[in-house]
Amino acid sequence: MKALRTLVVEDDAILCELLAKTLEGLGHAVCAVETNVAKAVAAASHWRPDLMIVDAGPGEASGLLAVKEILRSRFVPHVFVTGNALRGMPLGPDTVLIQKPFRVTDLERAIQRALAMAAASNRVAVKREEDRVLT
């Protein structure tokens, strides 16, 4: 897997550091670590990450809100991590979610799934555009 420029959105400082070290250990570059929605959106705009690892916890600082806002401008593959049950949360069918605590291999597999889903989604979008141009 190629090195990915990664944005981490997590409100727990210890977990931020652990996630950053883990991602760097997997060969990825962490471009920013943010703790709230506004800073995450600004960082995504500035750094244009290849991947986001996002805490999906409840509340105003929810990573769900950050991802929703970031995806308005462009798609970025993302993995949600959570220590909470997400019953009733608006997660789509293509959501990649891992439960805290997790192993490095769990994170690595989740990243691979997010990238695979993004690639498949991109192929569908390209095909639709080709079909639109041909008609």
Protein backbone atom coordinates (compact mmCIF):
# COMPACT_ATOMS: atom_id res chain seq x y z
CA MET A 1 0.00 0.00 0.00
CA LYS A 2 1.35 3.43 -0.88
CA ALA A 3 1.94 6.01 1.83
CA LEU A 4 -1.21 8.03 2.44
CA ARG A 5 -1.45 11.61 3.67
CA THR A 6 -3.79 11.10 6.62
CA LEU A 7 -5.96 13.40 8.71
CA VAL A 8 -6.80 12.17 12.22
CA VAL A 9 -9.91 13.57 13.92
CA GLU A 10 -10.07 12.53 17.57
CA ASP A 11 -10.92 14.47 20.71
CA ASP A 12 -8.79 12.36 23.07
CA ALA A 13 -5.15 13.57 23.09
CA ILE A 14 -3.73 10.17 24.08
CA LEU A 15 -5.62 8.40 21.30
CA CYS A 16 -4.54 11.10 18.83
CA GLU A 17 -0.91 10.39 19.61
CA LEU A 18 -1.42 6.62 19.49
CA LEU A 19 -3.26 6.80 16.15
CA ALA A 20 -0.61 9.08 14.66
CA LYS A 21 2.23 6.76 15.74
CA THR A 22 0.34 3.70 14.51
CA LEU A 23 -0.35 5.26 11.11
CA GLU A 24 3.28 6.37 10.77
CA GLY A 25 4.34 2.85 11.71
CA LEU A 26 2.20 1.58 8.84
CA GLY A 27 4.10 3.93 6.52
CA HIS A 28 1.57 6.74 6.27
CA ALA A 29 2.16 10.45 6.81
CA VAL A 30 -0.10 12.18 9.31
CA CYS A 31 -0.71 15.65 7.88
CA ALA A 32 -2.86 16.89 10.77
CA VAL A 33 -4.43 15.80 14.03
CA GLU A 34 -7.55 17.77 14.94
CA THR A 35 -9.92 17.67 17.88
CA ASN A 36 -13.05 19.42 16.60
CA VAL A 37 -15.23 19.80 13.54
CA ALA A 38 -14.12 23.29 12.45
CA LYS A 39 -10.41 22.49 12.71
CA ALA A 40 -10.88 19.16 10.92
CA VAL A 41 -12.72 20.81 8.03
CA ALA A 42 -10.03 23.50 7.74
CA ALA A 43 -7.25 20.88 7.85
CA ALA A 44 -8.94 18.79 5.14
CA SER A 45 -9.22 21.86 2.93
CA HIS A 46 -5.59 22.81 3.51
CA TRP A 47 -3.90 19.38 3.39
CA ARG A 48 -6.25 17.53 1.00
CA PRO A 49 -5.68 14.18 2.74
CA ASP A 50 -5.81 10.80 1.00
CA LEU A 51 -7.47 9.26 4.06
CA MET A 52 -9.20 10.26 7.27
CA ILE A 53 -9.30 8.32 10.54
CA VAL A 54 -12.20 9.78 12.50
CA ASP A 55 -13.62 9.32 15.99
CA ALA A 56 -17.35 8.75 15.50
CA GLY A 57 -18.30 9.59 19.07
CA PRO A 58 -21.51 11.40 19.88
CA GLY A 59 -21.80 15.09 20.65
CA GLU A 60 -21.06 18.42 19.05
CA ALA A 61 -17.44 17.51 18.34
CA SER A 62 -18.54 14.39 16.49
CA GLY A 63 -16.33 13.23 13.68
CA LEU A 64 -19.53 12.33 11.83
CA LEU A 65 -20.26 16.04 11.44
CA ALA A 66 -16.69 16.73 10.30
CA VAL A 67 -16.83 14.01 7.64
CA LYS A 68 -20.22 15.18 6.41
CA GLU A 69 -18.88 18.71 5.98
CA ILE A 70 -15.60 17.59 4.35
CA LEU A 71 -17.41 15.33 1.88
CA ARG A 72 -19.40 18.32 0.60
CA SER A 73 -16.29 19.59 -1.17
CA ARG A 74 -14.69 16.29 -2.19
CA PHE A 75 -14.69 12.61 -1.34
CA VAL A 76 -11.99 11.37 1.03
CA PRO A 77 -11.84 7.71 2.04
CA HIS A 78 -12.41 7.47 5.77
CA VAL A 79 -12.51 5.03 8.66
CA PHE A 80 -14.62 5.72 11.71
CA VAL A 81 -13.37 4.51 15.07
CA THR A 82 -15.63 4.42 18.09
CA GLY A 83 -15.79 3.27 21.65
CA ASN A 84 -19.56 3.79 21.73
CA ALA A 85 -22.45 1.89 20.26
CA LEU A 86 -23.68 3.92 17.31
CA ARG A 87 -27.33 2.95 17.36
CA GLY A 88 -29.42 5.48 15.50
CA MET A 89 -26.40 7.25 13.99
CA PRO A 90 -26.75 8.04 10.27
CA LEU A 91 -24.06 5.71 8.89
CA GLY A 92 -24.30 4.70 5.26
CA PRO A 93 -24.00 1.14 3.91
CA ASP A 94 -20.43 1.78 2.75
CA THR A 95 -19.25 2.99 6.15
CA VAL A 96 -16.03 1.48 7.44
CA LEU A 97 -16.17 1.34 11.21
CA ILE A 98 -13.91 -0.25 13.80
CA GLN A 99 -14.59 -0.53 17.50
CA LYS A 100 -12.15 0.74 20.14
CA PRO A 101 -10.00 -0.85 21.38
CA PHE A 102 -8.64 -2.27 18.14
CA ARG A 103 -5.48 -3.94 16.94
CA VAL A 104 -3.12 -2.48 14.36
CA THR A 105 -4.19 -5.22 11.95
CA ASP A 106 -7.84 -4.16 12.43
CA LEU A 107 -6.93 -0.60 11.48
CA GLU A 108 -4.88 -1.76 8.51
CA ARG A 109 -7.76 -3.90 7.19
CA ALA A 110 -10.23 -1.05 7.73
CA ILE A 111 -7.99 1.30 5.73
CA GLN A 112 -7.78 -1.24 2.91
CA ARG A 113 -11.61 -1.59 2.91
CA ALA A 114 -12.10 2.19 2.82
CA LEU A 115 -9.67 2.54 -0.08
CA ALA A 116 -11.26 -0.37 -1.97
CA MET A 117 -14.75 1.12 -1.54
CA ALA A 118 -13.49 4.52 -2.68
CA ALA A 119 -11.89 2.98 -5.77
CA ALA A 120 -15.08 1.08 -6.61
CA SER A 121 -17.16 4.22 -6.11
CA ASN A 122 -14.80 6.18 -8.33
CA ARG A 123 -15.05 3.56 -11.10
CA VAL A 124 -18.86 3.79 -10.98
CA ALA A 125 -18.71 7.60 -11.16
CA VAL A 126 -16.33 7.48 -14.14
CA LYS A 127 -18.58 4.97 -15.93
CA ARG A 128 -21.64 7.16 -15.34
CA GLU A 129 -19.79 10.18 -16.72
CA GLU A 130 -18.68 8.19 -19.78
CA ASP A 131 -22.25 7.01 -20.35
CA ARG A 132 -23.55 10.57 -20.00
CA VAL A 133 -21.03 11.87 -22.54
CA LEU A 134 -21.83 9.11 -25.05
CA THR A 135 -25.58 9.74 -24.97
